[in-house]
Amino acid sequence: MFANLLQLITGRPPSDFERNPFIEEVRVTSSEPRNLRVERFILICWILIAVKHVLVIWAVAHYPVPFHQLWINFPTWLLGALGTGVYYARVRRR
């Protein structure tokens, strides 16, 4: 958008790239390998989720709270599983 505005102000004609905007072919030659740092980070996050689950279960059992422990643990587990699944689905697809 700003490039077209600058062309309008300066009066320069568009480049050859802009005249032929159609892509004819795309080739991907190599896939990205699995990232060990990301996988280690996912493992650390799952360990922290497990510790949090144990602490929440313990706290709900020992203190009078007006909710079930799954109201806290299930969304945490669900988001962790979603993030892990998205990462491994993208790694497998490449």
C-alpha atoms as a PDB file:
ATOM      1  CA  MET A   1       0.000   0.000   0.000  1.00  0.00           C
ATOM      2  CA  PHE A   2       2.743   2.470   0.932  1.00  0.00           C
ATOM      3  CA  ALA A   3       4.821   1.450  -2.082  1.00  0.00           C
ATOM      4  CA  ASN A   4       1.931   2.326  -4.377  1.00  0.00           C
ATOM      5  CA  LEU A   5       1.474   5.636  -2.571  1.00  0.00           C
ATOM      6  CA  LEU A   6       5.153   6.456  -3.036  1.00  0.00           C
ATOM      7  CA  GLN A   7       4.918   5.567  -6.734  1.00  0.00           C
ATOM      8  CA  LEU A   8       1.909   7.847  -7.073  1.00  0.00           C
ATOM      9  CA  ILE A   9       3.731  10.714  -5.352  1.00  0.00           C
ATOM     10  CA  THR A  10       7.056  10.286  -7.175  1.00  0.00           C
ATOM     11  CA  GLY A  11       5.545   9.379 -10.546  1.00  0.00           C
ATOM     12  CA  ARG A  12       7.784   6.338 -11.061  1.00  0.00           C
ATOM     13  CA  PRO A  13       6.354   3.389 -13.030  1.00  0.00           C
ATOM     14  CA  PRO A  14       5.886   0.088 -11.174  1.00  0.00           C
ATOM     15  CA  SER A  15       8.697  -2.437 -11.331  1.00  0.00           C
ATOM     16  CA  ASP A  16       8.531  -5.606 -13.446  1.00  0.00           C
ATOM     17  CA  PHE A  17       7.813  -7.658 -10.321  1.00  0.00           C
ATOM     18  CA  GLU A  18       4.586  -5.774  -9.713  1.00  0.00           C
ATOM     19  CA  ARG A  19       3.461  -6.091 -13.321  1.00  0.00           C
ATOM     20  CA  ASN A  20       3.538  -9.899 -13.182  1.00  0.00           C
ATOM     21  CA  PRO A  21       2.205 -10.806  -9.704  1.00  0.00           C
ATOM     22  CA  PHE A  22       1.402 -14.470 -10.458  1.00  0.00           C
ATOM     23  CA  ILE A  23       3.516 -17.211  -8.884  1.00  0.00           C
ATOM     24  CA  GLU A  24       4.081 -20.081 -11.261  1.00  0.00           C
ATOM     25  CA  GLU A  25       5.862 -22.606  -9.053  1.00  0.00           C
ATOM     26  CA  VAL A  26       7.139 -23.077  -5.510  1.00  0.00           C
ATOM     27  CA  ARG A  27       9.557 -25.841  -4.545  1.00  0.00           C
ATOM     28  CA  VAL A  28      10.610 -26.798  -1.042  1.00  0.00           C
ATOM     29  CA  THR A  29      13.905 -28.643  -1.107  1.00  0.00           C
ATOM     30  CA  SER A  30      14.509 -29.515   2.536  1.00  0.00           C
ATOM     31  CA  SER A  31      12.459 -29.943   5.667  1.00  0.00           C
ATOM     32  CA  GLU A  32      13.240 -28.385   8.997  1.00  0.00           C
ATOM     33  CA  PRO A  33      14.658 -30.859  11.541  1.00  0.00           C
ATOM     34  CA  ARG A  34      13.173 -31.311  14.990  1.00  0.00           C
ATOM     35  CA  ASN A  35      14.403 -28.674  17.414  1.00  0.00           C
ATOM     36  CA  LEU A  36      15.820 -30.284  20.560  1.00  0.00           C
ATOM     37  CA  ARG A  37      15.632 -27.028  22.529  1.00  0.00           C
ATOM     38  CA  VAL A  38      11.913 -26.718  21.841  1.00  0.00           C
ATOM     39  CA  GLU A  39      11.324 -30.368  22.736  1.00  0.00           C
ATOM     40  CA  ARG A  40      13.243 -29.936  25.984  1.00  0.00           C
ATOM     41  CA  PHE A  41      11.182 -26.835  26.744  1.00  0.00           C
ATOM     42  CA  ILE A  42       7.965 -28.800  26.100  1.00  0.00           C
ATOM     43  CA  LEU A  43       9.164 -31.524  28.475  1.00  0.00           C
ATOM     44  CA  ILE A  44       9.964 -28.961  31.190  1.00  0.00           C
ATOM     45  CA  CYS A  45       6.524 -27.399  30.741  1.00  0.00           C
ATOM     46  CA  TRP A  46       4.822 -30.779  31.102  1.00  0.00           C
ATOM     47  CA  ILE A  47       6.790 -31.450  34.291  1.00  0.00           C
ATOM     48  CA  LEU A  48       5.668 -28.073  35.647  1.00  0.00           C
ATOM     49  CA  ILE A  49       2.067 -28.858  34.659  1.00  0.00           C
ATOM     50  CA  ALA A  50       2.283 -32.171  36.532  1.00  0.00           C
ATOM     51  CA  VAL A  51       3.668 -30.438  39.650  1.00  0.00           C
ATOM     52  CA  LYS A  52       0.894 -27.847  39.446  1.00  0.00           C
ATOM     53  CA  HIS A  53      -1.716 -30.592  39.168  1.00  0.00           C
ATOM     54  CA  VAL A  54      -0.404 -32.311  42.275  1.00  0.00           C
ATOM     55  CA  LEU A  55      -0.342 -29.047  44.236  1.00  0.00           C
ATOM     56  CA  VAL A  56      -3.887 -28.133  43.181  1.00  0.00           C
ATOM     57  CA  ILE A  57      -5.196 -31.588  44.088  1.00  0.00           C
ATOM     58  CA  TRP A  58      -3.484 -31.346  47.468  1.00  0.00           C
ATOM     59  CA  ALA A  59      -4.798 -27.828  48.123  1.00  0.00           C
ATOM     60  CA  VAL A  60      -8.366 -28.722  47.176  1.00  0.00           C
ATOM     61  CA  ALA A  61      -8.264 -31.806  49.412  1.00  0.00           C
ATOM     62  CA  HIS A  62      -6.851 -29.933  52.442  1.00  0.00           C
ATOM     63  CA  TYR A  63      -8.679 -26.601  52.278  1.00  0.00           C
ATOM     64  CA  PRO A  64     -12.391 -25.867  51.935  1.00  0.00           C
ATOM     65  CA  VAL A  65     -12.709 -24.409  48.445  1.00  0.00           C
ATOM     66  CA  PRO A  66     -16.012 -24.071  46.570  1.00  0.00           C
ATOM     67  CA  PHE A  67     -14.866 -25.688  43.305  1.00  0.00           C
ATOM     68  CA  HIS A  68     -13.578 -28.984  41.954  1.00  0.00           C
ATOM     69  CA  GLN A  69      -9.888 -29.303  41.140  1.00  0.00           C
ATOM     70  CA  LEU A  70     -10.640 -30.060  37.481  1.00  0.00           C
ATOM     71  CA  TRP A  71     -11.825 -26.473  36.982  1.00  0.00           C
ATOM     72  CA  ILE A  72      -8.157 -25.523  37.253  1.00  0.00           C
ATOM     73  CA  ASN A  73      -6.334 -28.655  36.092  1.00  0.00           C
ATOM     74  CA  PHE A  74      -8.329 -29.515  32.968  1.00  0.00           C
ATOM     75  CA  PRO A  75      -7.834 -26.193  31.092  1.00  0.00           C
ATOM     76  CA  THR A  76      -4.122 -26.312  31.902  1.00  0.00           C
ATOM     77  CA  TRP A  77      -3.838 -29.860  30.584  1.00  0.00           C
ATOM     78  CA  LEU A  78      -5.948 -29.036  27.523  1.00  0.00           C
ATOM     79  CA  LEU A  79      -3.847 -26.018  26.498  1.00  0.00           C
ATOM     80  CA  GLY A  80      -0.630 -27.980  27.068  1.00  0.00           C
ATOM     81  CA  ALA A  81      -1.910 -30.861  24.947  1.00  0.00           C
ATOM     82  CA  LEU A  82      -3.063 -28.447  22.234  1.00  0.00           C
ATOM     83  CA  GLY A  83       0.322 -26.693  22.084  1.00  0.00           C
ATOM     84  CA  THR A  84       2.244 -29.978  22.075  1.00  0.00           C
ATOM     85  CA  GLY A  85      -0.031 -31.421  19.393  1.00  0.00           C
ATOM     86  CA  VAL A  86       0.358 -28.364  17.161  1.00  0.00           C
ATOM     87  CA  TYR A  87       4.161 -28.503  17.458  1.00  0.00           C
ATOM     88  CA  TYR A  88       4.417 -32.211  16.652  1.00  0.00           C
ATOM     89  CA  ALA A  89       1.847 -31.981  13.844  1.00  0.00           C
ATOM     90  CA  ARG A  90       3.900 -29.234  12.189  1.00  0.00           C
ATOM     91  CA  VAL A  91       7.175 -31.124  12.644  1.00  0.00           C
ATOM     92  CA  ARG A  92       5.691 -34.332  11.216  1.00  0.00           C
ATOM     93  CA  ARG A  93       4.113 -32.517   8.246  1.00  0.00           C
ATOM     94  CA  ARG A  94       7.406 -30.952   7.141  1.00  0.00           C
END
